[in-house]
Amino acid sequence: MLVTPGTEAGASTYGGVRYLFCNEAFDADPERYRIAVDPVCGVEVVIGQEADRLTRDGRTYVFCRPACRGAFEAEPERYAAQGARSMPDA
């Protein structure tokens, strides 16, 4: 859903980023809504619900399944260079 600025039901700033919402559920549990992208397959992964994670060169990557972590470990330069969003810092 796209929320048009000025029509939001709620807005919050978390980790220096301003978020707009169609409801106010975010404030109750902001960690639940933190999203990263699996660098292998491009799937959005809710942080805390990932199948696996790996820290490399100071960045933490999350994966939707162990096979994606395996592919990343086999060719880390290929996937890290694609610029997928790694896990955001808290």
Protein backbone atom coordinates (compact mmCIF):
# COMPACT_ATOMS: atom_id res chain seq x y z
CA MET A 1 0.00 0.00 0.00
CA LEU A 2 1.27 3.46 -0.82
CA VAL A 3 0.62 6.11 1.81
CA THR A 4 0.49 9.66 0.50
CA PRO A 5 2.22 12.17 2.80
CA GLY A 6 -0.40 14.21 4.61
CA THR A 7 -2.97 11.39 4.56
CA GLU A 8 -1.18 8.96 6.88
CA ALA A 9 -2.90 7.60 9.97
CA GLY A 10 0.43 7.47 11.75
CA ALA A 11 4.04 8.47 11.29
CA SER A 12 7.16 7.54 13.21
CA THR A 13 10.87 8.12 13.05
CA TYR A 14 12.97 5.07 13.82
CA GLY A 15 16.70 4.72 13.26
CA GLY A 16 16.77 8.16 11.67
CA VAL A 17 14.23 7.23 8.98
CA ARG A 18 10.66 8.62 8.87
CA TYR A 19 7.95 6.07 8.14
CA LEU A 20 4.32 6.78 7.15
CA PHE A 21 1.50 4.33 7.89
CA CYS A 22 -2.12 3.59 7.12
CA ASN A 23 -2.49 2.49 10.77
CA GLU A 24 -0.63 2.95 14.05
CA ALA A 25 0.67 -0.61 14.64
CA PHE A 26 4.32 0.29 13.97
CA ASP A 27 4.85 2.11 17.27
CA ALA A 28 3.81 -0.97 19.26
CA ASP A 29 6.62 -3.12 17.76
CA PRO A 30 8.92 -1.31 15.30
CA GLU A 31 11.43 -4.18 15.14
CA ARG A 32 8.73 -6.35 13.56
CA TYR A 33 8.71 -4.14 10.47
CA ARG A 34 12.44 -3.93 9.77
CA ILE A 35 13.09 -5.42 6.35
CA ALA A 36 16.28 -6.50 4.60
CA VAL A 37 16.74 -8.09 1.18
CA ASP A 38 18.23 -11.54 0.64
CA PRO A 39 21.23 -10.68 -1.58
CA VAL A 40 20.97 -13.95 -3.50
CA CYS A 41 17.31 -14.16 -4.53
CA GLY A 42 16.09 -10.62 -3.79
CA VAL A 43 13.29 -11.66 -1.42
CA GLU A 44 12.39 -9.17 1.29
CA VAL A 45 13.05 -10.75 4.69
CA VAL A 46 11.60 -9.52 7.99
CA ILE A 47 14.54 -9.18 10.35
CA GLY A 48 14.11 -11.66 13.17
CA GLN A 49 12.28 -14.11 10.90
CA GLU A 50 15.19 -14.87 8.57
CA ALA A 51 16.24 -18.48 7.98
CA ASP A 52 19.92 -17.59 8.33
CA ARG A 53 22.30 -14.65 8.59
CA LEU A 54 25.98 -14.01 7.91
CA THR A 55 28.30 -11.13 8.78
CA ARG A 56 30.98 -10.34 6.21
CA ASP A 57 33.24 -7.29 6.06
CA GLY A 58 31.25 -5.62 8.82
CA ARG A 59 27.86 -6.05 7.12
CA THR A 60 25.20 -8.50 8.20
CA TYR A 61 23.24 -10.22 5.45
CA VAL A 62 20.01 -12.13 6.01
CA PHE A 63 18.76 -15.01 3.91
CA CYS A 64 15.31 -16.44 3.27
CA ARG A 65 16.62 -20.01 3.28
CA PRO A 66 19.88 -21.86 4.00
CA ALA A 67 20.45 -22.52 0.28
CA CYS A 68 20.70 -18.77 -0.34
CA ARG A 69 23.33 -18.46 2.39
CA GLY A 70 25.22 -21.34 0.76
CA ALA A 71 25.15 -19.61 -2.62
CA PHE A 72 26.36 -16.38 -1.01
CA GLU A 73 29.22 -18.18 0.77
CA ALA A 74 30.27 -19.82 -2.52
CA GLU A 75 30.44 -16.48 -4.39
CA PRO A 76 30.37 -13.64 -1.83
CA GLU A 77 31.87 -11.04 -4.15
CA ARG A 78 29.17 -11.67 -6.76
CA TYR A 79 26.29 -11.14 -4.36
CA ALA A 80 27.78 -8.45 -2.09
CA ALA A 81 28.64 -6.39 -5.18
CA GLN A 82 25.02 -6.37 -6.36
CA GLY A 83 24.28 -3.79 -3.70
CA ALA A 84 21.34 -5.53 -2.09
CA ARG A 85 20.26 -3.92 1.18
CA SER A 86 21.91 -5.67 4.05
CA MET A 87 20.43 -5.65 7.49
CA PRO A 88 20.06 -2.07 8.70
CA ASP A 89 21.81 -1.02 11.88
CA ALA A 90 19.63 -0.52 14.94
